[in-house]
Amino acid sequence: KHYLAERTVLVGDAAHRIHPLAGQGLNLGLGDIAVLAEVLVEAHREQKDIGAHKVLRRYERWRRGGNSLMLGAMQGFKQLFGSDNEFVRGTRNFGLEFTDGLPPLKNYLMQYAAGRRGDLPKLIRGIGL
């Protein structure tokens, strides 16, 4: 429910469990670590208490939206690919073919799934802290 408690932060599978369907757990965990590192380094530079709730809350706010989106998408894929319903299967197949026929959309979705799109921390963008 929350990524933090008193002077404690959860990252990766400890913060969010995701179905291993598309191997997104590692990507989400690495993103968590990169964001946490950036938040802590910035707080330290500003001479703030790196364990303060306000500092750690920045990490939680930054990660929660993107992680929730990916968790929801993977749950949706699990349901789409696990369904025997003809309508669901037909809609799924149409959606896959449609996306495959639009390379810019397909590439954007692949980049997002790989953790290379969205509100990225400096480490993932290749910028030093």
N, C-alpha and C. Protein backbone atom coordinates (compact mmCIF):
# COMPACT_ATOMS: atom_id res chain seq x y z
N LYS A 1 0.82 -1.20 0.00
CA LYS A 1 0.00 0.00 0.00
C LYS A 1 0.86 1.26 0.00
N HIS A 2 1.96 1.22 0.74
CA HIS A 2 2.89 2.35 0.80
C HIS A 2 4.30 1.85 0.56
N TYR A 3 5.13 2.71 -0.01
CA TYR A 3 6.52 2.35 -0.29
C TYR A 3 7.45 2.74 0.85
N LEU A 4 6.91 3.42 1.87
CA LEU A 4 7.80 3.86 2.94
C LEU A 4 7.10 3.83 4.28
N ALA A 5 7.94 3.79 5.30
CA ALA A 5 7.52 3.88 6.70
C ALA A 5 8.60 4.69 7.40
N GLU A 6 8.56 4.74 8.69
CA GLU A 6 9.54 5.52 9.45
C GLU A 6 10.96 5.14 9.09
N ARG A 7 11.64 6.02 8.36
CA ARG A 7 13.05 5.87 7.97
C ARG A 7 13.31 4.56 7.22
N THR A 8 12.29 4.07 6.52
CA THR A 8 12.38 2.81 5.79
C THR A 8 11.76 2.99 4.40
N VAL A 9 12.43 2.45 3.39
CA VAL A 9 11.93 2.54 2.02
C VAL A 9 11.90 1.14 1.41
N LEU A 10 10.83 0.86 0.68
CA LEU A 10 10.73 -0.40 -0.05
C LEU A 10 10.99 -0.13 -1.53
N VAL A 11 11.71 -1.04 -2.17
CA VAL A 11 11.97 -0.96 -3.61
C VAL A 11 11.71 -2.33 -4.22
N GLY A 12 11.57 -2.36 -5.52
CA GLY A 12 11.41 -3.62 -6.24
C GLY A 12 10.21 -4.41 -5.77
N ASP A 13 10.37 -5.72 -5.73
CA ASP A 13 9.25 -6.60 -5.36
C ASP A 13 8.76 -6.37 -3.94
N ALA A 14 9.59 -5.80 -3.09
CA ALA A 14 9.13 -5.48 -1.73
C ALA A 14 8.10 -4.36 -1.76
N ALA A 15 8.20 -3.46 -2.74
CA ALA A 15 7.27 -2.34 -2.86
C ALA A 15 6.05 -2.69 -3.71
N HIS A 16 6.25 -3.53 -4.69
CA HIS A 16 5.16 -3.86 -5.62
C HIS A 16 5.42 -5.24 -6.20
N ARG A 17 4.39 -6.04 -6.16
CA ARG A 17 4.51 -7.36 -6.77
C ARG A 17 3.88 -7.29 -8.15
N ILE A 18 4.56 -7.88 -9.11
CA ILE A 18 4.04 -7.87 -10.47
C ILE A 18 4.13 -9.29 -11.03
N HIS A 19 3.13 -9.66 -11.79
CA HIS A 19 3.14 -10.97 -12.43
C HIS A 19 4.37 -11.06 -13.34
N PRO A 20 5.09 -12.17 -13.32
CA PRO A 20 6.32 -12.26 -14.12
C PRO A 20 6.08 -12.41 -15.62
N LEU A 21 4.86 -12.19 -16.06
CA LEU A 21 4.46 -12.35 -17.46
C LEU A 21 5.46 -11.78 -18.45
N ALA A 22 5.85 -10.53 -18.26
CA ALA A 22 6.73 -9.88 -19.24
C ALA A 22 8.07 -9.49 -18.64
N GLY A 23 8.41 -10.02 -17.50
CA GLY A 23 9.70 -9.74 -16.89
C GLY A 23 9.87 -8.28 -16.48
N GLN A 24 8.80 -7.63 -16.08
CA GLN A 24 8.86 -6.20 -15.74
C GLN A 24 9.34 -5.94 -14.33
N GLY A 25 9.37 -6.94 -13.48
CA GLY A 25 9.80 -6.74 -12.10
C GLY A 25 11.20 -6.15 -12.00
N LEU A 26 12.12 -6.65 -12.79
CA LEU A 26 13.49 -6.14 -12.76
C LEU A 26 13.53 -4.69 -13.22
N ASN A 27 12.85 -4.38 -14.32
CA ASN A 27 12.83 -3.00 -14.82
C ASN A 27 12.26 -2.04 -13.78
N LEU A 28 11.17 -2.43 -13.14
CA LEU A 28 10.57 -1.57 -12.12
C LEU A 28 11.52 -1.40 -10.94
N GLY A 29 12.15 -2.48 -10.52
CA GLY A 29 13.07 -2.42 -9.40
C GLY A 29 14.27 -1.53 -9.68
N LEU A 30 14.83 -1.64 -10.88
CA LEU A 30 15.96 -0.79 -11.24
C LEU A 30 15.54 0.68 -11.30
N GLY A 31 14.34 0.93 -11.78
CA GLY A 31 13.82 2.30 -11.79
C GLY A 31 13.65 2.83 -10.37
N ASP A 32 13.14 1.99 -9.48
CA ASP A 32 12.99 2.39 -8.08
C ASP A 32 14.35 2.79 -7.49
N ILE A 33 15.35 1.98 -7.73
CA ILE A 33 16.68 2.24 -7.17
C ILE A 33 17.27 3.53 -7.74
N ALA A 34 17.12 3.73 -9.04
CA ALA A 34 17.66 4.95 -9.66
C ALA A 34 16.97 6.19 -9.11
N VAL A 35 15.66 6.14 -8.93
CA VAL A 35 14.93 7.29 -8.38
C VAL A 35 15.34 7.52 -6.93
N LEU A 36 15.40 6.46 -6.15
CA LEU A 36 15.78 6.62 -4.74
C LEU A 36 17.18 7.22 -4.62
N ALA A 37 18.11 6.75 -5.44
CA ALA A 37 19.46 7.30 -5.41
C ALA A 37 19.44 8.80 -5.70
N GLU A 38 18.70 9.20 -6.72
CA GLU A 38 18.63 10.61 -7.08
C GLU A 38 18.03 11.44 -5.96
N VAL A 39 16.95 10.96 -5.38
CA VAL A 39 16.29 11.68 -4.30
C VAL A 39 17.23 11.82 -3.10
N LEU A 40 17.92 10.75 -2.73
CA LEU A 40 18.81 10.80 -1.57
C LEU A 40 20.02 11.69 -1.81
N VAL A 41 20.61 11.60 -2.99
CA VAL A 41 21.77 12.45 -3.30
C VAL A 41 21.37 13.92 -3.28
N GLU A 42 20.22 14.23 -3.88
CA GLU A 42 19.76 15.61 -3.89
C GLU A 42 19.50 16.12 -2.48
N ALA A 43 18.86 15.29 -1.65
CA ALA A 43 18.59 15.69 -0.26
C ALA A 43 19.90 15.90 0.50
N HIS A 44 20.86 15.03 0.29
CA HIS A 44 22.16 15.16 0.97
C HIS A 44 22.86 16.45 0.55
N ARG A 45 22.82 16.75 -0.73
CA ARG A 45 23.43 18.00 -1.22
C ARG A 45 22.78 19.22 -0.59
N GLU A 46 21.49 19.13 -0.35
CA GLU A 46 20.75 20.24 0.25
C GLU A 46 20.81 20.19 1.78
N GLN A 47 21.62 19.29 2.30
CA GLN A 47 21.84 19.10 3.74
C GLN A 47 20.54 18.79 4.48
N LYS A 48 19.68 18.01 3.83
CA LYS A 48 18.45 17.54 4.46
C LYS A 48 18.68 16.17 5.06
N ASP A 49 17.84 15.80 5.98
CA ASP A 49 17.88 14.47 6.59
C ASP A 49 17.37 13.47 5.55
N ILE A 50 18.25 12.60 5.05
CA ILE A 50 17.84 11.68 3.98
C ILE A 50 16.81 10.65 4.42
N GLY A 51 16.62 10.51 5.72
CA GLY A 51 15.61 9.58 6.22
C GLY A 51 14.30 10.24 6.58
N ALA A 52 14.21 11.55 6.37
CA ALA A 52 12.98 12.28 6.71
C ALA A 52 11.83 11.85 5.81
N HIS A 53 10.66 11.79 6.38
CA HIS A 53 9.47 11.36 5.64
C HIS A 53 9.26 12.21 4.38
N LYS A 54 9.45 13.52 4.49
CA LYS A 54 9.24 14.42 3.35
C LYS A 54 10.19 14.06 2.20
N VAL A 55 11.43 13.72 2.52
CA VAL A 55 12.40 13.34 1.48
C VAL A 55 12.01 12.01 0.86
N LEU A 56 11.71 11.03 1.69
CA LEU A 56 11.37 9.69 1.18
C LEU A 56 10.03 9.70 0.44
N ARG A 57 9.15 10.58 0.83
CA ARG A 57 7.85 10.68 0.17
C ARG A 57 8.02 11.10 -1.29
N ARG A 58 9.04 11.88 -1.59
CA ARG A 58 9.30 12.28 -2.98
C ARG A 58 9.55 11.04 -3.84
N TYR A 59 10.33 10.10 -3.30
CA TYR A 59 10.57 8.84 -4.02
C TYR A 59 9.24 8.11 -4.27
N GLU A 60 8.43 7.99 -3.24
CA GLU A 60 7.17 7.26 -3.37
C GLU A 60 6.26 7.91 -4.41
N ARG A 61 6.12 9.22 -4.37
CA ARG A 61 5.26 9.93 -5.33
C ARG A 61 5.78 9.76 -6.76
N TRP A 62 7.09 9.83 -6.91
CA TRP A 62 7.69 9.72 -8.25
C TRP A 62 7.43 8.34 -8.84
N ARG A 63 7.55 7.31 -8.05
CA ARG A 63 7.45 5.95 -8.57
C ARG A 63 6.03 5.39 -8.63
N ARG A 64 5.17 5.80 -7.74
CA ARG A 64 3.86 5.15 -7.64
C ARG A 64 3.06 5.19 -8.94
N GLY A 65 2.98 6.32 -9.62
CA GLY A 65 2.17 6.43 -10.83
C GLY A 65 2.63 5.51 -11.94
N GLY A 66 3.90 5.58 -12.28
CA GLY A 66 4.44 4.73 -13.34
C GLY A 66 4.37 3.25 -13.01
N ASN A 67 4.67 2.92 -11.76
CA ASN A 67 4.60 1.52 -11.35
C ASN A 67 3.16 1.01 -11.41
N SER A 68 2.21 1.83 -10.96
CA SER A 68 0.80 1.42 -11.00
C SER A 68 0.33 1.20 -12.43
N LEU A 69 0.77 2.06 -13.33
CA LEU A 69 0.41 1.91 -14.74
C LEU A 69 0.93 0.58 -15.30
N MET A 70 2.19 0.26 -15.00
CA MET A 70 2.77 -0.99 -15.49
C MET A 70 2.10 -2.20 -14.84
N LEU A 71 1.82 -2.12 -13.54
CA LEU A 71 1.15 -3.23 -12.86
C LEU A 71 -0.22 -3.47 -13.48
N GLY A 72 -0.96 -2.40 -13.75
CA GLY A 72 -2.28 -2.54 -14.37
C GLY A 72 -2.20 -3.12 -15.77
N ALA A 73 -1.22 -2.66 -16.54
CA ALA A 73 -1.05 -3.18 -17.91
C ALA A 73 -0.73 -4.67 -17.89
N MET A 74 0.15 -5.09 -16.99
CA MET A 74 0.50 -6.51 -16.94
C MET A 74 -0.67 -7.36 -16.47
N GLN A 75 -1.48 -6.83 -15.54
CA GLN A 75 -2.67 -7.55 -15.11
C GLN A 75 -3.65 -7.66 -16.28
N GLY A 76 -3.76 -6.59 -17.06
CA GLY A 76 -4.62 -6.63 -18.24
C GLY A 76 -4.16 -7.65 -19.26
N PHE A 77 -2.84 -7.70 -19.51
CA PHE A 77 -2.30 -8.69 -20.45
C PHE A 77 -2.56 -10.11 -19.94
N LYS A 78 -2.40 -10.30 -18.65
CA LYS A 78 -2.65 -11.64 -18.07
C LYS A 78 -4.09 -12.06 -18.34
N GLN A 79 -5.03 -11.14 -18.13
CA GLN A 79 -6.43 -11.46 -18.36
C GLN A 79 -6.73 -11.64 -19.85
N LEU A 80 -6.15 -10.78 -20.70
CA LEU A 80 -6.38 -10.90 -22.14
C LEU A 80 -5.87 -12.22 -22.70
N PHE A 81 -4.66 -12.59 -22.30
CA PHE A 81 -4.07 -13.81 -22.85
C PHE A 81 -4.55 -15.07 -22.14
N GLY A 82 -5.19 -14.91 -20.99
CA GLY A 82 -5.70 -16.07 -20.27
C GLY A 82 -7.15 -16.37 -20.57
N SER A 83 -7.79 -15.54 -21.38
CA SER A 83 -9.22 -15.69 -21.65
C SER A 83 -9.48 -16.62 -22.82
N ASP A 84 -10.51 -17.43 -22.68
CA ASP A 84 -10.97 -18.28 -23.77
C ASP A 84 -12.17 -17.66 -24.50
N ASN A 85 -12.62 -16.51 -24.04
CA ASN A 85 -13.75 -15.82 -24.64
C ASN A 85 -13.37 -15.36 -26.05
N GLU A 86 -14.18 -15.74 -27.03
CA GLU A 86 -13.90 -15.41 -28.43
C GLU A 86 -13.84 -13.90 -28.68
N PHE A 87 -14.74 -13.16 -28.05
CA PHE A 87 -14.73 -11.71 -28.24
C PHE A 87 -13.43 -11.11 -27.69
N VAL A 88 -13.03 -11.55 -26.50
CA VAL A 88 -11.80 -11.04 -25.89
C VAL A 88 -10.60 -11.42 -26.75
N ARG A 89 -10.56 -12.65 -27.20
CA ARG A 89 -9.44 -13.09 -28.05
C ARG A 89 -9.39 -12.31 -29.36
N GLY A 90 -10.55 -12.10 -29.98
CA GLY A 90 -10.59 -11.35 -31.24
C GLY A 90 -10.16 -9.90 -31.05
N THR A 91 -10.64 -9.28 -29.98
CA THR A 91 -10.26 -7.90 -29.69
C THR A 91 -8.77 -7.81 -29.40
N ARG A 92 -8.26 -8.76 -28.63
CA ARG A 92 -6.83 -8.80 -28.32
C ARG A 92 -6.00 -8.92 -29.59
N ASN A 93 -6.38 -9.84 -30.45
CA ASN A 93 -5.63 -10.06 -31.69
C ASN A 93 -5.69 -8.82 -32.60
N PHE A 94 -6.87 -8.19 -32.66
CA PHE A 94 -6.98 -6.96 -33.45
C PHE A 94 -6.05 -5.89 -32.89
N GLY A 95 -6.06 -5.73 -31.57
CA GLY A 95 -5.20 -4.73 -30.94
C GLY A 95 -3.73 -4.98 -31.19
N LEU A 96 -3.32 -6.24 -31.14
CA LEU A 96 -1.92 -6.58 -31.40
C LEU A 96 -1.54 -6.30 -32.85
N GLU A 97 -2.40 -6.69 -33.77
CA GLU A 97 -2.14 -6.43 -35.19
C GLU A 97 -2.13 -4.93 -35.49
N PHE A 98 -3.05 -4.19 -34.88
CA PHE A 98 -3.12 -2.75 -35.07
C PHE A 98 -1.84 -2.08 -34.58
N THR A 99 -1.41 -2.46 -33.40
CA THR A 99 -0.18 -1.89 -32.82
C THR A 99 1.03 -2.28 -33.65
N ASP A 100 1.07 -3.51 -34.11
CA ASP A 100 2.20 -3.98 -34.92
C ASP A 100 2.28 -3.20 -36.24
N GLY A 101 1.13 -2.75 -36.73
CA GLY A 101 1.10 -2.00 -37.99
C GLY A 101 1.45 -0.52 -37.84
N LEU A 102 1.63 -0.07 -36.63
CA LEU A 102 2.00 1.33 -36.37
C LEU A 102 3.34 1.38 -35.65
N PRO A 103 4.44 1.31 -36.40
CA PRO A 103 5.77 1.27 -35.77
C PRO A 103 6.04 2.36 -34.74
N PRO A 104 5.60 3.61 -34.93
CA PRO A 104 5.88 4.61 -33.88
C PRO A 104 5.19 4.26 -32.55
N LEU A 105 3.95 3.79 -32.62
CA LEU A 105 3.24 3.39 -31.40
C LEU A 105 3.90 2.17 -30.78
N LYS A 106 4.20 1.20 -31.61
CA LYS A 106 4.84 -0.03 -31.13
C LYS A 106 6.18 0.29 -30.45
N ASN A 107 6.98 1.14 -31.08
CA ASN A 107 8.28 1.48 -30.51
C ASN A 107 8.12 2.25 -29.20
N TYR A 108 7.14 3.15 -29.13
CA TYR A 108 6.91 3.89 -27.89
C TYR A 108 6.55 2.92 -26.76
N LEU A 109 5.63 2.01 -27.03
CA LEU A 109 5.21 1.05 -26.01
C LEU A 109 6.37 0.15 -25.57
N MET A 110 7.20 -0.25 -26.53
CA MET A 110 8.36 -1.10 -26.19
C MET A 110 9.35 -0.31 -25.33
N GLN A 111 9.58 0.95 -25.67
CA GLN A 111 10.48 1.79 -24.88
C GLN A 111 9.94 2.00 -23.47
N TYR A 112 8.63 2.21 -23.36
CA TYR A 112 8.02 2.40 -22.04
C TYR A 112 8.16 1.13 -21.20
N ALA A 113 7.88 -0.01 -21.81
CA ALA A 113 7.99 -1.28 -21.10
C ALA A 113 9.42 -1.56 -20.67
N ALA A 114 10.38 -1.09 -21.44
CA ALA A 114 11.79 -1.30 -21.10
C ALA A 114 12.29 -0.28 -20.09
N GLY A 115 11.42 0.64 -19.66
CA GLY A 115 11.82 1.63 -18.68
C GLY A 115 12.62 2.77 -19.27
N ARG A 116 12.44 3.03 -20.56
CA ARG A 116 13.20 4.09 -21.24
C ARG A 116 12.33 5.30 -21.62
N ARG A 117 11.09 5.31 -21.14
CA ARG A 117 10.17 6.43 -21.38
C ARG A 117 9.51 6.81 -20.07
N GLY A 118 8.97 8.00 -20.03
CA GLY A 118 8.29 8.46 -18.83
C GLY A 118 9.18 9.43 -18.06
N ASP A 119 8.86 9.64 -16.82
CA ASP A 119 9.61 10.55 -15.95
C ASP A 119 10.83 9.80 -15.41
N LEU A 120 11.91 9.85 -16.18
CA LEU A 120 13.09 9.03 -15.87
C LEU A 120 14.09 9.77 -14.98
N PRO A 121 14.67 9.05 -14.03
CA PRO A 121 15.73 9.64 -13.21
C PRO A 121 17.02 9.79 -14.02
N LYS A 122 17.91 10.60 -13.49
CA LYS A 122 19.16 10.90 -14.19
C LYS A 122 19.96 9.65 -14.53
N LEU A 123 20.06 8.71 -13.61
CA LEU A 123 20.86 7.50 -13.88
C LEU A 123 20.38 6.73 -15.09
N ILE A 124 19.09 6.65 -15.27
CA ILE A 124 18.55 5.93 -16.43
C ILE A 124 18.75 6.74 -17.71
N ARG A 125 18.75 8.06 -17.59
CA ARG A 125 19.00 8.92 -18.76
C ARG A 125 20.49 9.03 -19.07
N GLY A 126 21.34 8.41 -18.25
CA GLY A 126 22.77 8.43 -18.50
C GLY A 126 23.45 9.69 -17.99
N ILE A 127 22.79 10.36 -17.06
CA ILE A 127 23.34 11.58 -16.48
C ILE A 127 23.82 11.24 -15.07
N GLY A 128 25.01 11.66 -14.75
CA GLY A 128 25.54 11.40 -13.41
C GLY A 128 24.79 12.17 -12.34
N LEU A 129 24.84 11.65 -11.14
CA LEU A 129 24.20 12.33 -10.01
C LEU A 129 25.12 13.41 -9.50
